Protein backbone atom coordinates (compact mmCIF):
# COMPACT_ATOMS: atom_id res chain seq x y z
CA UNK A 1 97.49 133.49 38.48
CA UNK A 2 96.52 131.23 35.62
CA UNK A 3 99.44 129.80 33.57
CA UNK A 4 98.99 129.46 29.86
CA UNK A 5 100.45 126.49 28.03
CA UNK A 6 103.19 127.23 25.50
CA UNK A 7 103.25 125.29 22.24
CA UNK A 8 106.14 122.82 21.95
CA UNK A 9 107.32 124.40 18.71
CA UNK A 10 107.86 127.77 20.46
CA UNK A 11 109.71 126.07 23.36
CA UNK A 12 112.17 124.49 20.82
CA UNK A 13 112.68 127.83 19.08
CA UNK A 14 113.35 129.63 22.32
CA UNK A 15 115.79 126.92 23.39
CA UNK A 16 117.65 127.20 20.13
CA UNK A 17 117.89 131.02 20.59
CA UNK A 18 119.30 130.59 24.06
CA UNK A 19 121.96 128.17 22.77
CA UNK A 20 122.86 130.53 20.00
CA UNK A 21 123.13 133.57 22.32
CA UNK A 22 125.34 131.57 24.73
CA UNK A 23 127.61 130.51 21.94
CA UNK A 24 127.84 134.17 20.79
CA UNK A 25 128.80 135.36 24.28
CA UNK A 26 131.36 132.60 24.57
CA UNK A 27 132.90 133.62 21.26
CA UNK A 28 133.81 137.00 22.81
CA UNK A 29 135.40 135.39 25.86
CA UNK A 30 139.05 134.29 26.00
CA UNK A 31 140.61 131.16 27.53
CA UNK A 32 141.38 131.30 31.21
CA UNK A 33 139.22 134.43 31.66
CA UNK A 34 141.63 136.60 29.67
CA UNK A 35 139.75 139.65 28.28
CA UNK A 36 139.08 139.58 24.54
CA UNK A 37 141.17 142.75 23.92
CA UNK A 38 144.14 141.14 25.51
CA UNK A 39 143.62 137.79 23.89
CA UNK A 40 143.99 139.63 20.56
CA UNK A 41 147.66 140.08 21.45
CA UNK A 42 148.32 136.41 21.99
CA UNK A 43 150.48 134.60 19.43
CA UNK A 44 153.94 133.41 18.75
CA UNK A 45 155.00 136.15 16.31
CA UNK A 46 157.27 139.05 17.29
CA UNK A 47 155.39 141.63 19.34
CA UNK A 48 152.84 139.06 20.50
CA UNK A 49 152.81 137.15 23.80
CA UNK A 50 152.49 133.37 23.87
CA UNK A 51 149.46 131.91 25.61
CA UNK A 52 151.23 130.15 28.48
CA UNK A 53 153.37 133.19 29.25
CA UNK A 54 150.32 135.47 29.53
CA UNK A 55 148.28 133.02 31.54
CA UNK A 56 151.04 132.57 34.14
CA UNK A 57 151.88 136.26 34.29
CA UNK A 58 148.25 137.20 34.72
CA UNK A 59 147.64 134.53 37.38
CA UNK A 60 150.66 135.79 39.39
CA UNK A 61 149.46 139.38 39.18
CA UNK A 62 145.86 138.59 40.19
CA UNK A 63 147.15 136.48 43.11
CA UNK A 64 149.31 139.29 44.42
CA UNK A 65 146.47 141.79 43.98
CA UNK A 66 144.14 139.52 45.90
CA UNK A 67 146.76 139.32 48.73
CA UNK A 68 147.04 143.11 48.84
CA UNK A 69 150.73 143.00 47.87
CA UNK A 70 150.16 144.88 44.58
CA UNK A 71 148.08 147.95 43.73
CA UNK A 72 149.84 148.81 40.51
CA UNK A 73 147.40 148.69 37.55
CA UNK A 74 150.10 147.14 35.33
CA UNK A 75 152.13 143.95 35.40
CA UNK A 76 155.13 142.54 33.48
CA UNK A 77 156.09 139.35 31.68
CA UNK A 78 159.17 138.16 29.77
CA UNK A 79 159.59 135.29 27.35
CA UNK A 80 163.29 134.34 27.48
CA UNK A 81 162.78 131.64 24.87
CA UNK A 82 162.42 134.19 22.14
CA UNK A 83 165.34 135.71 20.18
CA UNK A 84 166.79 138.96 21.55
CA UNK A 85 168.30 139.95 18.20
CA UNK A 86 166.46 139.50 14.93
CA UNK A 87 169.33 140.71 12.81
CA UNK A 88 169.89 143.90 10.75
CA UNK A 89 169.74 146.00 13.88
CA UNK A 90 166.21 144.84 14.83
CA UNK A 91 165.72 143.65 18.39
CA UNK A 92 163.20 140.99 19.37
CA UNK A 93 160.31 142.22 21.51
CA UNK A 94 159.94 139.75 24.39
CA UNK A 95 159.25 141.84 27.42
CA UNK A 96 155.60 142.72 27.99
CA UNK A 97 153.89 145.58 29.83
CA UNK A 98 150.21 144.80 30.44
CA UNK A 99 147.79 147.38 31.90
CA UNK A 100 144.36 145.79 31.86
CA UNK A 101 142.54 148.77 33.40
CA UNK A 102 143.49 150.96 30.46
CA UNK A 103 143.52 148.04 27.95
CA UNK A 104 147.16 148.79 27.19
CA UNK A 105 149.70 146.17 25.89
CA UNK A 106 153.31 146.86 24.93
CA UNK A 107 156.02 144.51 23.78
CA UNK A 108 159.62 145.80 24.04
CA UNK A 109 163.15 144.40 23.82
CA UNK A 110 165.10 143.01 26.79
CA UNK A 111 168.45 141.28 27.40
CA UNK A 112 168.97 137.78 28.66
CA UNK A 113 171.72 136.36 30.96
CA UNK A 114 174.93 135.79 29.10
CA UNK A 115 176.22 133.00 31.35
CA UNK A 116 179.87 132.07 31.39
CA UNK A 117 182.40 129.80 29.71
CA UNK A 118 184.71 128.41 32.41
CA UNK A 119 187.28 127.20 29.89
CA UNK A 120 188.49 123.71 30.50
CA UNK A 121 185.74 123.09 33.02
CA UNK A 122 182.20 123.83 31.80
CA UNK A 123 180.48 126.11 29.31
CA UNK A 124 177.12 127.54 30.24
CA UNK A 125 177.31 130.69 28.12
CA UNK A 126 174.58 131.98 25.94
CA UNK A 127 174.75 133.57 22.47
CA UNK A 128 173.54 137.03 21.61
CA UNK A 129 170.40 135.90 19.85
CA UNK A 130 168.95 132.93 21.81
CA UNK A 131 169.33 131.63 25.31
CA UNK A 132 170.19 127.97 25.71
CA UNK A 133 171.30 127.94 29.37
CA UNK A 134 169.28 129.06 32.39
CA UNK A 135 169.97 128.85 36.09
CA UNK A 136 169.83 130.32 39.57
CA UNK A 137 173.46 129.89 40.79
CA UNK A 138 175.38 132.77 42.34
CA UNK A 139 177.89 134.37 39.86
CA UNK A 140 176.46 132.35 36.99
CA UNK A 141 175.07 135.45 35.13
CA UNK A 142 172.15 133.24 33.97
CA UNK A 143 168.45 134.10 33.70
CA UNK A 144 166.16 132.21 36.13
CA UNK A 145 162.54 131.97 35.22
CA UNK A 146 159.66 132.16 37.66
CA UNK A 147 157.69 134.69 39.78
CA UNK A 148 159.16 138.04 40.77
CA UNK A 149 158.09 141.25 42.45
CA UNK A 150 159.68 144.62 41.66
CA UNK A 151 161.05 146.36 44.75
CA UNK A 152 163.13 149.41 45.62
CA UNK A 153 164.86 151.66 43.16
CA UNK A 154 168.48 152.58 43.65
CA UNK A 155 170.22 155.24 41.57
CA UNK A 156 174.05 155.12 41.38
CA UNK A 157 176.66 157.37 39.91
CA UNK A 158 178.86 155.38 37.51
CA UNK A 159 181.12 158.12 36.14
CA UNK A 160 181.31 160.85 33.53
CA UNK A 161 181.11 160.48 29.73
CA UNK A 162 181.66 162.83 26.80
CA UNK A 163 178.51 164.23 25.19
CA UNK A 164 180.06 166.83 22.90
CA UNK A 165 183.07 169.04 22.30
CA UNK A 166 184.58 169.26 25.80
CA UNK A 167 181.16 168.67 27.35
CA UNK A 168 180.72 165.90 29.90
CA UNK A 169 177.68 164.41 31.66
CA UNK A 170 177.32 162.35 34.76
CA UNK A 171 175.99 158.85 34.08
CA UNK A 172 173.40 157.93 36.74
CA UNK A 173 171.84 154.51 36.40
CA UNK A 174 168.73 153.36 38.31
CA UNK A 175 168.42 149.72 39.35
CA UNK A 176 165.08 148.14 40.27
CA UNK A 177 165.63 145.28 42.74
CA UNK A 178 163.58 142.06 42.16
CA UNK A 179 162.48 139.66 44.82
CA UNK A 180 161.81 136.16 43.53
CA UNK A 181 159.96 133.09 44.65
CA UNK A 182 160.76 129.40 44.44
CA UNK A 183 163.85 128.78 42.36
CA UNK A 184 164.24 132.49 41.94
CA UNK A 185 164.05 133.19 45.70
CA UNK A 186 167.80 134.19 45.81
CA UNK A 187 167.25 137.02 43.36
CA UNK A 188 168.25 139.62 45.94
CA UNK A 189 171.40 137.70 46.86
CA UNK A 190 172.29 137.47 43.16
CA UNK A 191 171.50 141.18 42.73
CA UNK A 192 168.94 140.44 40.01
CA UNK A 193 166.80 143.32 38.90
CA UNK A 194 166.06 145.62 35.99
CA UNK A 195 167.98 148.56 34.58
CA UNK A 196 168.88 150.39 31.38
CA UNK A 197 171.23 148.51 29.06
CA UNK A 198 174.00 151.07 29.36
CA UNK A 199 177.50 150.86 30.85
CA UNK A 200 180.70 152.92 30.90
CA UNK A 201 183.69 151.25 29.26
CA UNK A 202 187.38 152.08 29.13
CA UNK A 203 187.40 153.69 32.57
CA UNK A 204 190.07 156.21 33.56
CA UNK A 205 190.35 158.96 36.17
CA UNK A 206 190.35 162.69 35.80
CA UNK A 207 191.23 165.55 38.08
CA UNK A 208 188.02 167.42 39.05
CA UNK A 209 188.34 168.52 42.66
CA UNK A 210 185.31 170.79 42.50
CA UNK A 211 182.96 167.97 41.43
CA UNK A 212 180.51 166.65 44.05
CA UNK A 213 181.42 163.14 42.81
CA UNK A 214 185.17 163.57 43.38
CA UNK A 215 186.96 161.14 45.69
CA UNK A 216 189.38 162.14 48.48
CA UNK A 217 192.08 162.69 45.86
CA UNK A 218 189.84 165.00 43.79
CA UNK A 219 189.43 162.42 41.02
CA UNK A 220 186.35 161.31 39.11
CA UNK A 221 185.85 158.29 36.91
CA UNK A 222 185.46 158.85 33.16
CA UNK A 223 184.48 156.44 30.36
CA UNK A 224 182.71 155.82 27.14
CA UNK A 225 178.91 155.31 27.37
CA UNK A 226 177.98 152.03 25.67
CA UNK A 227 174.42 150.96 24.88
CA UNK A 228 174.04 147.14 24.78
CA UNK A 229 170.29 146.90 24.38
CA UNK A 230 170.82 144.25 21.75
CA UNK A 231 173.25 142.23 23.83
CA UNK A 232 173.38 140.09 26.93
CA UNK A 233 173.18 140.97 30.63
CA UNK A 234 174.68 139.55 33.83
CA UNK A 235 171.38 137.73 34.51
CA UNK A 236 169.33 140.97 35.05
CA UNK A 237 166.50 142.24 32.93
CA UNK A 238 167.91 145.07 30.82
CA UNK A 239 165.92 147.53 28.67
CA UNK A 240 166.69 150.29 26.15
CA UNK A 241 167.31 153.63 27.92
CA UNK A 242 163.93 155.03 26.74
CA UNK A 243 161.99 151.94 27.84
CA UNK A 244 163.84 151.77 31.15
CA UNK A 245 162.90 155.33 31.95
CA UNK A 246 159.19 154.55 31.47
CA UNK A 247 159.24 151.24 33.35
CA UNK A 248 161.15 152.61 36.30
CA UNK A 249 158.69 155.42 36.60
CA UNK A 250 155.81 152.91 36.62
CA UNK A 251 157.16 150.81 39.49
CA UNK A 252 159.02 153.34 41.68
CA UNK A 253 157.29 153.18 45.07
CA UNK A 254 154.56 151.14 43.45
CA UNK A 255 155.60 147.47 43.10
CA UNK A 256 154.13 144.99 40.68
CA UNK A 257 154.74 141.49 39.40
CA UNK A 258 157.09 140.12 36.73
CA UNK A 259 156.77 136.56 35.45
CA UNK A 260 159.76 135.22 33.47
CA UNK A 261 159.26 132.15 31.24
CA UNK A 262 160.61 129.43 31.19
CA UNK A 263 160.92 127.75 34.64
CA UNK A 264 163.12 124.69 35.16
CA UNK A 265 160.11 122.36 34.77
CA UNK A 266 159.43 123.84 31.30
CA UNK A 267 163.13 123.50 30.36
CA UNK A 268 163.28 119.86 31.45
CA UNK A 269 160.06 119.00 29.55
CA UNK A 270 161.13 120.75 26.36
CA UNK A 271 164.68 119.31 26.52
CA UNK A 272 163.20 115.80 26.81
CA UNK A 273 160.78 116.39 23.96
CA UNK A 274 163.48 118.02 21.81
CA UNK A 275 165.25 114.67 21.63
CA UNK A 276 162.51 113.84 19.09
CA UNK A 277 163.37 117.09 17.30
CA UNK A 278 159.82 118.49 17.48
CA UNK A 279 157.27 119.79 19.94
CA UNK A 280 154.45 119.12 17.58
CA UNK A 281 151.58 117.19 19.21
CA UNK A 282 152.60 118.35 22.70
CA UNK A 283 151.36 121.09 25.03
CA UNK A 284 154.92 122.34 25.50
CA UNK A 285 156.02 125.77 24.33
CA UNK A 286 159.38 127.18 23.15
CA UNK A 287 160.11 129.74 20.48
CA UNK A 288 160.56 127.60 17.35
CA UNK A 289 163.42 129.49 15.72
CA UNK A 290 165.47 129.57 18.99
CA UNK A 291 164.79 125.85 19.70
CA UNK A 292 166.06 125.01 16.24
CA UNK A 293 169.20 127.06 16.95
CA UNK A 294 170.06 125.78 20.43
CA UNK A 295 168.97 122.16 20.01
CA UNK A 296 167.77 121.70 23.59
CA UNK A 297 167.78 124.07 26.60
CA UNK A 298 169.37 123.35 29.88
CA UNK A 299 168.71 124.50 33.48
CA UNK A 300 171.72 124.68 35.85
CA UNK A 301 170.55 124.45 39.49
CA UNK A 302 172.56 126.30 42.04
CA UNK A 303 173.31 123.14 44.01
CA UNK A 304 175.13 121.75 40.97
CA UNK A 305 176.70 124.84 39.47
CA UNK A 306 177.77 126.88 42.57
CA UNK A 307 180.36 124.28 43.70
CA UNK A 308 181.80 124.21 40.14
CA UNK A 309 182.05 127.97 40.02
CA UNK A 310 183.62 128.18 43.46
CA UNK A 311 186.25 125.51 42.56
CA UNK A 312 187.00 127.30 39.30
CA UNK A 313 187.63 130.62 41.16
CA UNK A 314 189.93 128.74 43.58
CA UNK A 315 191.88 127.21 40.75
CA UNK A 316 191.99 130.39 38.77
CA UNK A 317 192.29 133.28 41.25
CA UNK A 318 191.60 136.73 39.83
CA UNK A 319 194.54 139.11 39.73
CA UNK A 320 194.48 141.85 42.32
CA UNK A 321 192.37 144.86 41.24
CA UNK A 322 194.29 147.64 39.63
CA UNK A 323 193.36 151.30 39.97
CA UNK A 324 191.99 152.91 36.84
CA UNK A 325 194.70 154.84 34.99
CA UNK A 326 194.72 158.58 34.62
CA UNK A 327 192.87 159.81 31.54
CA UNK A 328 194.82 161.12 28.59
CA UNK A 329 193.44 164.57 28.08
CA UNK A 330 192.04 165.06 24.57
């Protein structure tokens, strides 16, 4: 075959076209291989997911899929640096449900660990809006960032509550156990998982011998159903009842990954940088409004905090448990 020579000008034009086409293709690609449709949800505003949170959550999910540990088409992420309460009854959306196969992205509310104030000893409590303290100590009630897998679902009867005029309903709450890695490896021992942000308060006992939930004395617990979706948890991930129903259905018998930001390394770096009162000019990330409110975050490692909690319990023994009183019939 005889090859024909191509004029230099044509070669230059073709080269420029290739460069232009390459640039166009790249403009539709997202950093770290994130699909363009998903990259459109990246940002630091409410309802968006920050870049570092998405990158780590996606990397964890793809790793577990490659290992054969996950077949679920969706994965989760949480940004615990964002506010949980935006005021005026509006909750911050900082828990993310990502389903890449169906190009679905949802941002919903979620509680953060409330921590504790061991008065006279140490205060590692968190406010309702922003979380300042994080940790992985037993009985600390703190959120620990890192890699998690959703595991078994356990539904428990908590008691009865009033739904209308002399009408009662059984409160059954499902708990999704988490297994963590690294600093979050003791999640099962800490009973860390996800559930609806509901609880029964003001418990008392009622005679109901015919109930399948009655104890050996024919009594059943009764209380007032309280929704604390805008509040704090005991370190677990808590969702509104409607969101919890959907999420539990997604992961029951079909585990997936959850990445919670920040980890201790992020907290240490941000705390150091916060001494200069700004993260500008750094690659660090923290929600700006919460960082302004808390000043600097702190991570409480279990090796430091667990001995303090144990000593406090020893010095301040809890009173013996008292049986719930009998209900005063309405």
